[in-house]
Amino acid sequence: MVLNKGGTLVVFLATIPIIQILVVLVIAGVVLWLVESYIPMAAPFKVVIRVVVILLLCLWLLSLFGLLGTGINV
């Protein structure tokens, strides 16, 4: 996010097209479904995997839309 000459706040989206974002989300969902369906494991491990994948996708989307910083500034 930056201020332009008029003083209004401008949000820059990454150069990734919306179709590519949707493809990544669909692939991640299919892979998560395959892991949960076809790999035998205890239910708590499946919950942990599901939470980690969803958390990583949320963080990726937040950083992609500029709502999350790129890292710690030293």
PDB file of N, CA and C in Angstrom:
ATOM      1  N   MET A   1       0.839  -1.167   0.000  1.00  0.00           N
ATOM      2  CA  MET A   1       0.000   0.000   0.000  1.00  0.00           C
ATOM      3  C   MET A   1       0.891   1.239   0.000  1.00  0.00           C
ATOM      4  N   VAL A   2       0.531   2.194  -0.804  1.00  0.00           N
ATOM      5  CA  VAL A   2       1.271   3.449  -0.876  1.00  0.00           C
ATOM      6  C   VAL A   2       0.283   4.594  -1.059  1.00  0.00           C
ATOM      7  N   LEU A   3       0.761   5.782  -0.812  1.00  0.00           N
ATOM      8  CA  LEU A   3      -0.033   6.976  -1.074  1.00  0.00           C
ATOM      9  C   LEU A   3       0.365   7.528  -2.432  1.00  0.00           C
ATOM     10  N   ASN A   4      -0.615   7.856  -3.260  1.00  0.00           N
ATOM     11  CA  ASN A   4      -0.284   8.463  -4.543  1.00  0.00           C
ATOM     12  C   ASN A   4      -0.197   9.976  -4.393  1.00  0.00           C
ATOM     13  N   LYS A   5      -0.027  10.683  -5.510  1.00  0.00           N
ATOM     14  CA  LYS A   5       0.171  12.132  -5.458  1.00  0.00           C
ATOM     15  C   LYS A   5      -1.011  12.870  -4.829  1.00  0.00           C
ATOM     16  N   GLY A   6      -2.212  12.355  -5.010  1.00  0.00           N
ATOM     17  CA  GLY A   6      -3.390  13.005  -4.448  1.00  0.00           C
ATOM     18  C   GLY A   6      -3.597  12.709  -2.973  1.00  0.00           C
ATOM     19  N   GLY A   7      -2.763  11.845  -2.394  1.00  0.00           N
ATOM     20  CA  GLY A   7      -2.872  11.520  -0.989  1.00  0.00           C
ATOM     21  C   GLY A   7      -3.806  10.364  -0.694  1.00  0.00           C
ATOM     22  N   THR A   8      -4.338   9.734  -1.740  1.00  0.00           N
ATOM     23  CA  THR A   8      -5.222   8.600  -1.502  1.00  0.00           C
ATOM     24  C   THR A   8      -4.396   7.316  -1.415  1.00  0.00           C
ATOM     25  N   LEU A   9      -4.916   6.386  -0.679  1.00  0.00           N
ATOM     26  CA  LEU A   9      -4.235   5.121  -0.455  1.00  0.00           C
ATOM     27  C   LEU A   9      -4.500   4.189  -1.632  1.00  0.00           C
ATOM     28  N   VAL A  10      -3.424   3.643  -2.185  1.00  0.00           N
ATOM     29  CA  VAL A  10      -3.539   2.742  -3.315  1.00  0.00           C
ATOM     30  C   VAL A  10      -3.013   1.381  -2.881  1.00  0.00           C
ATOM     31  N   VAL A  11      -3.804   0.342  -3.125  1.00  0.00           N
ATOM     32  CA  VAL A  11      -3.406  -1.019  -2.788  1.00  0.00           C
ATOM     33  C   VAL A  11      -2.963  -1.704  -4.068  1.00  0.00           C
ATOM     34  N   PHE A  12      -1.716  -2.192  -4.068  1.00  0.00           N
ATOM     35  CA  PHE A  12      -1.201  -2.901  -5.224  1.00  0.00           C
ATOM     36  C   PHE A  12      -1.403  -4.389  -5.034  1.00  0.00           C
ATOM     37  N   LEU A  13      -2.040  -5.024  -5.992  1.00  0.00           N
ATOM     38  CA  LEU A  13      -2.151  -6.470  -5.984  1.00  0.00           C
ATOM     39  C   LEU A  13      -0.935  -7.038  -6.686  1.00  0.00           C
ATOM     40  N   ALA A  14      -0.585  -8.245  -6.324  1.00  0.00           N
ATOM     41  CA  ALA A  14       0.541  -8.897  -6.980  1.00  0.00           C
ATOM     42  C   ALA A  14       0.206  -9.107  -8.449  1.00  0.00           C
ATOM     43  N   THR A  15       1.201  -9.417  -9.217  1.00  0.00           N
ATOM     44  CA  THR A  15       0.997  -9.583 -10.647  1.00  0.00           C
ATOM     45  C   THR A  15       0.448 -10.962 -10.999  1.00  0.00           C
ATOM     46  N   ILE A  16       0.051 -11.745 -10.015  1.00  0.00           N
ATOM     47  CA  ILE A  16      -0.512 -13.061 -10.270  1.00  0.00           C
ATOM     48  C   ILE A  16      -1.977 -12.895 -10.686  1.00  0.00           C
ATOM     49  N   PRO A  17      -2.345 -13.449 -11.829  1.00  0.00           N
ATOM     50  CA  PRO A  17      -3.751 -13.338 -12.261  1.00  0.00           C
ATOM     51  C   PRO A  17      -4.688 -14.138 -11.347  1.00  0.00           C
ATOM     52  N   ILE A  18      -5.942 -13.739 -11.354  1.00  0.00           N
ATOM     53  CA  ILE A  18      -6.951 -14.393 -10.510  1.00  0.00           C
ATOM     54  C   ILE A  18      -7.083 -15.877 -10.864  1.00  0.00           C
ATOM     55  N   ILE A  19      -6.983 -16.207 -12.136  1.00  0.00           N
ATOM     56  CA  ILE A  19      -7.095 -17.604 -12.560  1.00  0.00           C
ATOM     57  C   ILE A  19      -6.005 -18.442 -11.919  1.00  0.00           C
ATOM     58  N   GLN A  20      -4.791 -17.916 -11.853  1.00  0.00           N
ATOM     59  CA  GLN A  20      -3.676 -18.658 -11.253  1.00  0.00           C
ATOM     60  C   GLN A  20      -3.912 -18.853  -9.751  1.00  0.00           C
ATOM     61  N   ILE A  21      -4.464 -17.869  -9.090  1.00  0.00           N
ATOM     62  CA  ILE A  21      -4.780 -18.002  -7.665  1.00  0.00           C
ATOM     63  C   ILE A  21      -5.818 -19.105  -7.466  1.00  0.00           C
ATOM     64  N   LEU A  22      -6.855 -19.097  -8.305  1.00  0.00           N
ATOM     65  CA  LEU A  22      -7.884 -20.124  -8.202  1.00  0.00           C
ATOM     66  C   LEU A  22      -7.326 -21.515  -8.485  1.00  0.00           C
ATOM     67  N   VAL A  23      -6.429 -21.624  -9.459  1.00  0.00           N
ATOM     68  CA  VAL A  23      -5.818 -22.923  -9.777  1.00  0.00           C
ATOM     69  C   VAL A  23      -5.016 -23.438  -8.588  1.00  0.00           C
ATOM     70  N   VAL A  24      -4.248 -22.558  -7.949  1.00  0.00           N
ATOM     71  CA  VAL A  24      -3.458 -22.967  -6.778  1.00  0.00           C
ATOM     72  C   VAL A  24      -4.379 -23.432  -5.654  1.00  0.00           C
ATOM     73  N   LEU A  25      -5.474 -22.706  -5.414  1.00  0.00           N
ATOM     74  CA  LEU A  25      -6.408 -23.091  -4.357  1.00  0.00           C
ATOM     75  C   LEU A  25      -7.092 -24.422  -4.660  1.00  0.00           C
ATOM     76  N   VAL A  26      -7.455 -24.645  -5.909  1.00  0.00           N
ATOM     77  CA  VAL A  26      -8.099 -25.905  -6.283  1.00  0.00           C
ATOM     78  C   VAL A  26      -7.122 -27.063  -6.151  1.00  0.00           C
ATOM     79  N   ILE A  27      -5.888 -26.878  -6.615  1.00  0.00           N
ATOM     80  CA  ILE A  27      -4.880 -27.938  -6.506  1.00  0.00           C
ATOM     81  C   ILE A  27      -4.596 -28.254  -5.046  1.00  0.00           C
ATOM     82  N   ALA A  28      -4.478 -27.227  -4.221  1.00  0.00           N
ATOM     83  CA  ALA A  28      -4.232 -27.459  -2.797  1.00  0.00           C
ATOM     84  C   ALA A  28      -5.402 -28.209  -2.164  1.00  0.00           C
ATOM     85  N   GLY A  29      -6.630 -27.868  -2.546  1.00  0.00           N
ATOM     86  CA  GLY A  29      -7.791 -28.558  -2.022  1.00  0.00           C
ATOM     87  C   GLY A  29      -7.850 -30.016  -2.452  1.00  0.00           C
ATOM     88  N   VAL A  30      -7.523 -30.279  -3.708  1.00  0.00           N
ATOM     89  CA  VAL A  30      -7.530 -31.658  -4.207  1.00  0.00           C
ATOM     90  C   VAL A  30      -6.449 -32.480  -3.524  1.00  0.00           C
ATOM     91  N   VAL A  31      -5.256 -31.914  -3.377  1.00  0.00           N
ATOM     92  CA  VAL A  31      -4.173 -32.628  -2.702  1.00  0.00           C
ATOM     93  C   VAL A  31      -4.550 -32.905  -1.241  1.00  0.00           C
ATOM     94  N   LEU A  32      -5.143 -31.930  -0.573  1.00  0.00           N
ATOM     95  CA  LEU A  32      -5.572 -32.125   0.809  1.00  0.00           C
ATOM     96  C   LEU A  32      -6.638 -33.215   0.895  1.00  0.00           C
ATOM     97  N   TRP A  33      -7.576 -33.228  -0.040  1.00  0.00           N
ATOM     98  CA  TRP A  33      -8.612 -34.267  -0.064  1.00  0.00           C
ATOM     99  C   TRP A  33      -8.001 -35.639  -0.314  1.00  0.00           C
ATOM    100  N   LEU A  34      -7.032 -35.714  -1.243  1.00  0.00           N
ATOM    101  CA  LEU A  34      -6.383 -36.996  -1.527  1.00  0.00           C
ATOM    102  C   LEU A  34      -5.637 -37.525  -0.312  1.00  0.00           C
ATOM    103  N   VAL A  35      -4.918 -36.644   0.373  1.00  0.00           N
ATOM    104  CA  VAL A  35      -4.174 -37.063   1.560  1.00  0.00           C
ATOM    105  C   VAL A  35      -5.127 -37.548   2.638  1.00  0.00           C
ATOM    106  N   GLU A  36      -6.215 -36.814   2.855  1.00  0.00           N
ATOM    107  CA  GLU A  36      -7.161 -37.204   3.904  1.00  0.00           C
ATOM    108  C   GLU A  36      -7.951 -38.455   3.541  1.00  0.00           C
ATOM    109  N   SER A  37      -8.173 -38.678   2.264  1.00  0.00           N
ATOM    110  CA  SER A  37      -8.988 -39.816   1.849  1.00  0.00           C
ATOM    111  C   SER A  37      -8.197 -41.110   1.720  1.00  0.00           C
ATOM    112  N   TYR A  38      -6.997 -41.041   1.203  1.00  0.00           N
ATOM    113  CA  TYR A  38      -6.298 -42.255   0.808  1.00  0.00           C
ATOM    114  C   TYR A  38      -5.087 -42.614   1.659  1.00  0.00           C
ATOM    115  N   ILE A  39      -4.653 -41.752   2.553  1.00  0.00           N
ATOM    116  CA  ILE A  39      -3.540 -42.080   3.441  1.00  0.00           C
ATOM    117  C   ILE A  39      -4.119 -42.388   4.819  1.00  0.00           C
ATOM    118  N   PRO A  40      -3.975 -43.628   5.253  1.00  0.00           N
ATOM    119  CA  PRO A  40      -4.543 -43.978   6.564  1.00  0.00           C
ATOM    120  C   PRO A  40      -3.722 -43.370   7.709  1.00  0.00           C
ATOM    121  N   MET A  41      -4.381 -42.589   8.526  1.00  0.00           N
ATOM    122  CA  MET A  41      -3.734 -42.000   9.701  1.00  0.00           C
ATOM    123  C   MET A  41      -4.810 -41.651  10.718  1.00  0.00           C
ATOM    124  N   ALA A  42      -4.373 -41.426  11.920  1.00  0.00           N
ATOM    125  CA  ALA A  42      -5.302 -41.099  13.001  1.00  0.00           C
ATOM    126  C   ALA A  42      -5.971 -39.749  12.731  1.00  0.00           C
ATOM    127  N   ALA A  43      -7.174 -39.604  13.247  1.00  0.00           N
ATOM    128  CA  ALA A  43      -7.959 -38.381  13.031  1.00  0.00           C
ATOM    129  C   ALA A  43      -7.264 -37.111  13.516  1.00  0.00           C
ATOM    130  N   PRO A  44      -6.570 -37.138  14.677  1.00  0.00           N
ATOM    131  CA  PRO A  44      -5.897 -35.897  15.100  1.00  0.00           C
ATOM    132  C   PRO A  44      -4.818 -35.429  14.126  1.00  0.00           C
ATOM    133  N   PHE A  45      -4.125 -36.373  13.482  1.00  0.00           N
ATOM    134  CA  PHE A  45      -3.107 -35.990  12.509  1.00  0.00           C
ATOM    135  C   PHE A  45      -3.738 -35.355  11.273  1.00  0.00           C
ATOM    136  N   LYS A  46      -4.898 -35.863  10.877  1.00  0.00           N
ATOM    137  CA  LYS A  46      -5.604 -35.277   9.747  1.00  0.00           C
ATOM    138  C   LYS A  46      -6.040 -33.847  10.056  1.00  0.00           C
ATOM    139  N   VAL A  47      -6.486 -33.628  11.281  1.00  0.00           N
ATOM    140  CA  VAL A  47      -6.894 -32.278  11.681  1.00  0.00           C
ATOM    141  C   VAL A  47      -5.699 -31.336  11.664  1.00  0.00           C
ATOM    142  N   VAL A  48      -4.558 -31.802  12.155  1.00  0.00           N
ATOM    143  CA  VAL A  48      -3.356 -30.964  12.169  1.00  0.00           C
ATOM    144  C   VAL A  48      -2.931 -30.622  10.745  1.00  0.00           C
ATOM    145  N   ILE A  49      -2.943 -31.606   9.853  1.00  0.00           N
ATOM    146  CA  ILE A  49      -2.568 -31.352   8.458  1.00  0.00           C
ATOM    147  C   ILE A  49      -3.533 -30.357   7.823  1.00  0.00           C
ATOM    148  N   ARG A  50      -4.824 -30.532   8.070  1.00  0.00           N
ATOM    149  CA  ARG A  50      -5.827 -29.629   7.508  1.00  0.00           C
ATOM    150  C   ARG A  50      -5.616 -28.202   8.007  1.00  0.00           C
ATOM    151  N   VAL A  51      -5.381 -28.047   9.304  1.00  0.00           N
ATOM    152  CA  VAL A  51      -5.188 -26.709   9.881  1.00  0.00           C
ATOM    153  C   VAL A  51      -3.930 -26.057   9.324  1.00  0.00           C
ATOM    154  N   VAL A  52      -2.846 -26.813   9.215  1.00  0.00           N
ATOM    155  CA  VAL A  52      -1.587 -26.261   8.700  1.00  0.00           C
ATOM    156  C   VAL A  52      -1.745 -25.815   7.248  1.00  0.00           C
ATOM    157  N   VAL A  53      -2.379 -26.635   6.423  1.00  0.00           N
ATOM    158  CA  VAL A  53      -2.558 -26.276   5.013  1.00  0.00           C
ATOM    159  C   VAL A  53      -3.437 -25.039   4.878  1.00  0.00           C
ATOM    160  N   ILE A  54      -4.528 -24.980   5.614  1.00  0.00           N
ATOM    161  CA  ILE A  54      -5.416 -23.817   5.538  1.00  0.00           C
ATOM    162  C   ILE A  54      -4.722 -22.563   6.051  1.00  0.00           C
ATOM    163  N   LEU A  55      -3.958 -22.694   7.128  1.00  0.00           N
ATOM    164  CA  LEU A  55      -3.218 -21.551   7.662  1.00  0.00           C
ATOM    165  C   LEU A  55      -2.189 -21.042   6.659  1.00  0.00           C
ATOM    166  N   LEU A  56      -1.453 -21.947   6.034  1.00  0.00           N
ATOM    167  CA  LEU A  56      -0.460 -21.536   5.033  1.00  0.00           C
ATOM    168  C   LEU A  56      -1.115 -20.866   3.828  1.00  0.00           C
ATOM    169  N   LEU A  57      -2.249 -21.400   3.383  1.00  0.00           N
ATOM    170  CA  LEU A  57      -2.952 -20.771   2.266  1.00  0.00           C
ATOM    171  C   LEU A  57      -3.473 -19.386   2.636  1.00  0.00           C
ATOM    172  N   CYS A  58      -3.986 -19.244   3.848  1.00  0.00           N
ATOM    173  CA  CYS A  58      -4.461 -17.925   4.299  1.00  0.00           C
ATOM    174  C   CYS A  58      -3.319 -16.926   4.380  1.00  0.00           C
ATOM    175  N   LEU A  59      -2.192 -17.348   4.924  1.00  0.00           N
ATOM    176  CA  LEU A  59      -1.032 -16.455   4.996  1.00  0.00           C
ATOM    177  C   LEU A  59      -0.538 -16.079   3.606  1.00  0.00           C
ATOM    178  N   TRP A  60      -0.543 -17.033   2.687  1.00  0.00           N
ATOM    179  CA  TRP A  60      -0.118 -16.761   1.308  1.00  0.00           C
ATOM    180  C   TRP A  60      -1.047 -15.751   0.658  1.00  0.00           C
ATOM    181  N   LEU A  61      -2.360 -15.923   0.837  1.00  0.00           N
ATOM    182  CA  LEU A  61      -3.318 -14.990   0.256  1.00  0.00           C
ATOM    183  C   LEU A  61      -3.208 -13.599   0.878  1.00  0.00           C
ATOM    184  N   LEU A  62      -3.031 -13.545   2.194  1.00  0.00           N
ATOM    185  CA  LEU A  62      -2.878 -12.238   2.849  1.00  0.00           C
ATOM    186  C   LEU A  62      -1.635 -11.505   2.354  1.00  0.00           C
ATOM    187  N   SER A  63      -0.535 -12.229   2.207  1.00  0.00           N
ATOM    188  CA  SER A  63       0.682 -11.574   1.710  1.00  0.00           C
ATOM    189  C   SER A  63       0.540 -11.203   0.244  1.00  0.00           C
ATOM    190  N   LEU A  64      -0.199 -11.994  -0.511  1.00  0.00           N
ATOM    191  CA  LEU A  64      -0.407 -11.714  -1.933  1.00  0.00           C
ATOM    192  C   LEU A  64      -1.189 -10.427  -2.129  1.00  0.00           C
ATOM    193  N   PHE A  65      -2.181 -10.190  -1.278  1.00  0.00           N
ATOM    194  CA  PHE A  65      -2.991  -8.982  -1.386  1.00  0.00           C
ATOM    195  C   PHE A  65      -2.422  -7.811  -0.593  1.00  0.00           C
ATOM    196  N   GLY A  66      -1.238  -7.983  -0.021  1.00  0.00           N
ATOM    197  CA  GLY A  66      -0.579  -6.883   0.655  1.00  0.00           C
ATOM    198  C   GLY A  66      -1.091  -6.596   2.049  1.00  0.00           C
ATOM    199  N   LEU A  67      -1.855  -7.511   2.627  1.00  0.00           N
ATOM    200  CA  LEU A  67      -2.382  -7.300   3.971  1.00  0.00           C
ATOM    201  C   LEU A  67      -1.458  -7.844   5.043  1.00  0.00           C
ATOM    202  N   LEU A  68      -0.432  -8.534   4.626  1.00  0.00           N
ATOM    203  CA  LEU A  68       0.532  -9.112   5.552  1.00  0.00           C
ATOM    204  C   LEU A  68       1.911  -8.647   5.108  1.00  0.00           C
ATOM    205  N   GLY A  69       2.733  -8.220   6.036  1.00  0.00           N
ATOM    206  CA  GLY A  69       4.065  -7.767   5.696  1.00  0.00           C
ATOM    207  C   GLY A  69       4.921  -8.863   5.091  1.00  0.00           C
ATOM    208  N   THR A  70       5.996  -8.461   4.445  1.00  0.00           N
ATOM    209  CA  THR A  70       6.863  -9.432   3.793  1.00  0.00           C
ATOM    210  C   THR A  70       7.872 -10.039   4.764  1.00  0.00           C
ATOM    211  N   GLY A  71       7.973  -9.510   5.947  1.00  0.00           N
ATOM    212  CA  GLY A  71       8.912 -10.052   6.920  1.00  0.00           C
ATOM    213  C   GLY A  71       9.189  -9.029   7.999  1.00  0.00           C
ATOM    214  N   ILE A  72      10.139  -9.349   8.817  1.00  0.00           N
ATOM    215  CA  ILE A  72      10.508  -8.465   9.915  1.00  0.00           C
ATOM    216  C   ILE A  72      11.534  -7.465   9.419  1.00  0.00           C
ATOM    217  N   ASN A  73      11.256  -6.191   9.617  1.00  0.00           N
ATOM    218  CA  ASN A  73      12.209  -5.151   9.232  1.00  0.00           C
ATOM    219  C   ASN A  73      13.183  -4.933  10.374  1.00  0.00           C
ATOM    220  N   VAL A  74      14.459  -5.008  10.054  1.00  0.00           N
ATOM    221  CA  VAL A  74      15.490  -4.839  11.073  1.00  0.00           C
ATOM    222  C   VAL A  74      16.047  -3.443  10.981  1.00  0.00           C
TER     223      VAL A  74
END
